[in-house]
Amino acid sequence: MPRFFRDESTSGGKMPHYGPRRLVRPQKNREVYVDPRPKFNVSSTDVSTYHAICSLASSRWKDEHAVDIGGVHCTFQTFGESFRPDSQVSNFVVAVFCRHLFMKHNGHPETSKRHFFFSNIGENLMKDPEEANYDVLQRAFKLSSKARPLHKSDMLFFPILFENHWFVFVVDIKDRRYVFLDSLHNSDDPYQQHVRNVL
């Protein structure tokens, strides 16, 4: 039986009926363990739905509307091809998602104090001032202001496709700052530095 040392025990000096507890001494050079793999459950139904959407992209129904939310729609072909491995998400899929955020419960700018713009607005913001389409920008901001004036909103979301990579530019009016949501580049990367300078 192992020897019992009073100074290394958490039992107050008495021998517990189940034997001594072991003292755990963590390694000095240990690092915080973080599993780099994203964790979310994918059910067999999710996998079946994914395969069905991808196969419909090349079927005879490929030109039919897969999603239509408030007049913003996306075909099966565009929807399916956007989610295949090594493909790029279409701006139509992003537009449908923005419309979904607008149409969901408490998604209207009057209640949420948030505006979700289509990707063509962000695309124009990334252009040189001489090349940007001011009519498109003016129309978008004017229509958005009818739902809730922009200066009375908390946040403006601009999904942007630049150099085959999507990121979201957020104007946080309430906290008076700009936020860049980017899954690939951090703030020190040349890509993000260029984007931040332009915007």
Protein backbone atom coordinates (compact mmCIF):
# COMPACT_ATOMS: atom_id res chain seq x y z
CA MET A 1 0.00 0.00 0.00
CA PRO A 2 1.35 3.47 -0.85
CA ARG A 3 2.53 5.66 1.97
CA PHE A 4 0.22 8.45 3.08
CA PHE A 5 1.74 11.93 3.52
CA ARG A 6 -0.30 14.42 5.47
CA ASP A 7 0.99 17.53 3.60
CA GLU A 8 0.01 16.12 0.19
CA SER A 9 -3.50 15.13 1.16
CA THR A 10 -6.78 16.91 0.56
CA SER A 11 -8.48 14.85 3.27
CA GLY A 12 -7.38 16.96 6.25
CA GLY A 13 -4.86 14.45 7.59
CA LYS A 14 -7.28 11.57 8.10
CA MET A 15 -7.00 8.46 6.03
CA PRO A 16 -10.20 8.26 3.94
CA HIS A 17 -12.03 4.93 3.99
CA TYR A 18 -11.38 4.51 0.24
CA GLY A 19 -7.66 5.21 0.45
CA PRO A 20 -5.59 8.35 -0.11
CA ARG A 21 -6.40 10.81 -2.87
CA ARG A 22 -3.77 11.41 -5.46
CA LEU A 23 -2.20 14.81 -5.76
CA VAL A 24 -2.37 16.13 -9.28
CA ARG A 25 0.51 18.34 -10.30
CA PRO A 26 0.05 19.84 -13.78
CA GLN A 27 3.04 19.97 -16.05
CA LYS A 28 4.82 23.32 -15.98
CA ASN A 29 4.97 23.74 -19.75
CA ARG A 30 1.41 22.71 -20.47
CA GLU A 31 -0.65 24.63 -23.03
CA VAL A 32 -4.34 25.26 -23.01
CA TYR A 33 -5.94 22.47 -24.98
CA VAL A 34 -8.07 23.70 -27.84
CA ASP A 35 -9.44 21.28 -30.37
CA PRO A 36 -8.92 22.95 -33.78
CA ARG A 37 -11.76 21.03 -35.38
CA PRO A 38 -15.11 22.80 -35.51
CA LYS A 39 -17.72 20.89 -33.58
CA PHE A 40 -21.28 20.56 -34.70
CA ASN A 41 -23.43 17.54 -35.22
CA VAL A 42 -24.34 16.51 -38.73
CA SER A 43 -27.24 14.11 -38.87
CA SER A 44 -27.89 11.59 -41.63
CA THR A 45 -30.85 13.76 -42.68
CA ASP A 46 -28.49 16.74 -43.08
CA VAL A 47 -26.17 14.67 -45.26
CA SER A 48 -29.07 13.41 -47.38
CA THR A 49 -30.39 16.95 -47.83
CA TYR A 50 -26.94 18.17 -48.85
CA HIS A 51 -26.56 15.42 -51.47
CA ALA A 52 -30.07 16.09 -52.78
CA ILE A 53 -29.37 19.81 -53.20
CA CYS A 54 -26.06 19.13 -54.96
CA SER A 55 -27.66 16.59 -57.31
CA LEU A 56 -30.57 18.93 -58.12
CA ALA A 57 -28.00 21.47 -59.33
CA SER A 58 -27.37 19.34 -62.41
CA SER A 59 -30.86 17.89 -62.86
CA ARG A 60 -33.63 18.93 -65.23
CA TRP A 61 -35.00 21.17 -62.44
CA LYS A 62 -31.76 23.16 -62.18
CA ASP A 63 -33.40 26.35 -63.49
CA GLU A 64 -36.35 26.19 -61.06
CA HIS A 65 -36.38 28.37 -57.94
CA ALA A 66 -34.97 26.44 -54.99
CA VAL A 67 -35.53 29.32 -52.59
CA ASP A 68 -37.76 32.37 -52.89
CA ILE A 69 -37.89 34.64 -49.87
CA GLY A 70 -39.82 37.84 -50.33
CA GLY A 71 -39.08 38.03 -54.05
CA VAL A 72 -35.37 37.27 -53.66
CA HIS A 73 -34.73 33.89 -55.22
CA CYS A 74 -32.05 31.39 -56.10
CA THR A 75 -32.18 28.47 -58.55
CA PHE A 76 -31.32 24.87 -57.72
CA GLN A 77 -28.23 25.14 -59.92
CA THR A 78 -26.88 28.21 -58.15
CA PHE A 79 -27.84 26.90 -54.72
CA GLY A 80 -26.34 23.44 -55.25
CA GLU A 81 -23.14 24.60 -56.91
CA SER A 82 -22.49 27.10 -54.12
CA PHE A 83 -22.25 24.32 -51.54
CA ARG A 84 -20.11 21.84 -53.42
CA PRO A 85 -16.55 21.36 -52.19
CA ASP A 86 -14.02 23.79 -53.69
CA SER A 87 -16.71 26.06 -55.09
CA GLN A 88 -17.55 29.67 -54.40
CA VAL A 89 -20.78 30.76 -52.73
CA SER A 90 -22.89 32.68 -55.23
CA ASN A 91 -23.98 36.24 -54.57
CA PHE A 92 -27.57 35.04 -55.14
CA VAL A 93 -27.24 32.67 -52.17
CA VAL A 94 -25.88 35.52 -50.03
CA ALA A 95 -28.77 37.76 -51.17
CA VAL A 96 -31.30 35.08 -50.17
CA PHE A 97 -29.62 34.76 -46.77
CA CYS A 98 -29.70 38.55 -46.26
CA ARG A 99 -33.39 38.56 -47.17
CA HIS A 100 -33.97 35.69 -44.74
CA LEU A 101 -32.37 37.73 -41.94
CA PHE A 102 -34.65 40.64 -42.86
CA MET A 103 -37.83 38.53 -43.01
CA LYS A 104 -37.33 36.44 -39.87
CA HIS A 105 -39.05 37.23 -36.58
CA ASN A 106 -37.55 40.45 -35.16
CA GLY A 107 -35.39 40.78 -38.28
CA HIS A 108 -36.98 43.96 -39.65
CA PRO A 109 -34.76 47.02 -39.10
CA GLU A 110 -37.53 48.73 -37.13
CA THR A 111 -37.19 46.09 -34.39
CA SER A 112 -33.65 44.74 -34.86
CA LYS A 113 -32.04 48.13 -35.62
CA ARG A 114 -29.92 46.28 -38.19
CA HIS A 115 -29.72 46.58 -41.96
CA PHE A 116 -28.50 43.69 -44.14
CA PHE A 117 -27.39 44.87 -47.59
CA PHE A 118 -26.98 42.76 -50.71
CA SER A 119 -23.47 42.03 -51.94
CA ASN A 120 -23.68 44.44 -54.90
CA ILE A 121 -23.65 47.31 -52.39
CA GLY A 122 -20.44 46.05 -50.78
CA GLU A 123 -18.98 45.49 -54.23
CA ASN A 124 -19.60 49.15 -55.07
CA LEU A 125 -18.07 50.26 -51.77
CA MET A 126 -14.86 48.39 -52.68
CA LYS A 127 -14.56 50.12 -56.07
CA ASP A 128 -12.63 53.29 -56.76
CA PRO A 129 -14.90 56.33 -56.37
CA GLU A 130 -14.73 56.96 -60.13
CA GLU A 131 -15.93 53.41 -60.90
CA ALA A 132 -18.62 53.01 -58.22
CA ASN A 133 -22.26 53.14 -59.29
CA TYR A 134 -23.65 55.93 -57.11
CA ASP A 135 -27.19 55.37 -58.38
CA VAL A 136 -27.16 51.82 -56.97
CA LEU A 137 -25.71 53.00 -53.64
CA GLN A 138 -28.11 55.94 -53.35
CA ARG A 139 -31.14 53.76 -54.14
CA ALA A 140 -30.10 51.10 -51.59
CA PHE A 141 -29.51 53.60 -48.80
CA LYS A 142 -32.71 55.49 -49.61
CA LEU A 143 -34.83 52.30 -49.56
CA SER A 144 -33.16 51.11 -46.36
CA SER A 145 -33.87 54.42 -44.68
CA LYS A 146 -37.59 53.93 -45.29
CA ALA A 147 -37.52 50.84 -43.05
CA ARG A 148 -35.47 52.66 -40.40
CA PRO A 149 -33.24 55.73 -40.81
CA LEU A 150 -29.63 54.60 -41.04
CA HIS A 151 -28.41 57.04 -38.39
CA LYS A 152 -30.94 55.56 -35.92
CA SER A 153 -29.76 52.00 -36.58
CA ASP A 154 -27.26 50.06 -34.49
CA MET A 155 -25.49 48.10 -37.24
CA LEU A 156 -25.15 47.92 -41.02
CA PHE A 157 -23.99 44.61 -42.54
CA PHE A 158 -22.28 44.50 -45.95
CA PRO A 159 -21.31 41.03 -47.27
CA ILE A 160 -18.49 41.55 -49.77
CA LEU A 161 -16.85 39.24 -52.29
CA PHE A 162 -13.33 40.45 -53.03
CA GLU A 163 -10.66 38.42 -54.84
CA ASN A 164 -12.79 35.24 -54.63
CA HIS A 165 -13.19 35.51 -50.85
CA TRP A 166 -16.26 36.49 -48.83
CA PHE A 167 -16.12 38.65 -45.72
CA VAL A 168 -18.62 40.86 -43.92
CA PHE A 169 -18.01 44.54 -43.30
CA VAL A 170 -20.03 45.78 -40.32
CA VAL A 171 -20.59 49.44 -39.54
CA ASP A 172 -21.33 49.47 -35.82
CA ILE A 173 -23.03 52.84 -35.45
CA LYS A 174 -23.94 52.34 -31.81
CA ASP A 175 -20.35 51.69 -30.67
CA ARG A 176 -18.83 53.90 -33.41
CA ARG A 177 -16.50 51.37 -34.97
CA TYR A 178 -15.95 49.21 -38.03
CA VAL A 179 -15.85 45.42 -37.71
CA PHE A 180 -14.51 42.97 -40.29
CA LEU A 181 -15.80 39.40 -40.05
CA ASP A 182 -13.35 37.26 -41.97
CA SER A 183 -12.90 33.51 -41.53
CA LEU A 184 -9.60 33.34 -43.38
CA HIS A 185 -7.59 36.53 -42.92
CA ASN A 186 -6.69 38.32 -39.70
CA SER A 187 -6.14 42.06 -39.36
CA ASP A 188 -2.38 41.77 -40.06
CA ASP A 189 -2.76 39.99 -43.41
CA PRO A 190 -2.12 42.08 -46.55
CA TYR A 191 -5.61 41.17 -47.81
CA GLN A 192 -7.30 42.65 -44.73
CA GLN A 193 -4.99 45.66 -44.65
CA HIS A 194 -5.93 46.48 -48.25
CA VAL A 195 -9.64 45.99 -47.57
CA ARG A 196 -9.52 48.17 -44.46
CA ASN A 197 -7.73 50.96 -46.33
CA VAL A 198 -10.31 50.91 -49.13
CA LEU A 199 -13.35 50.85 -46.86
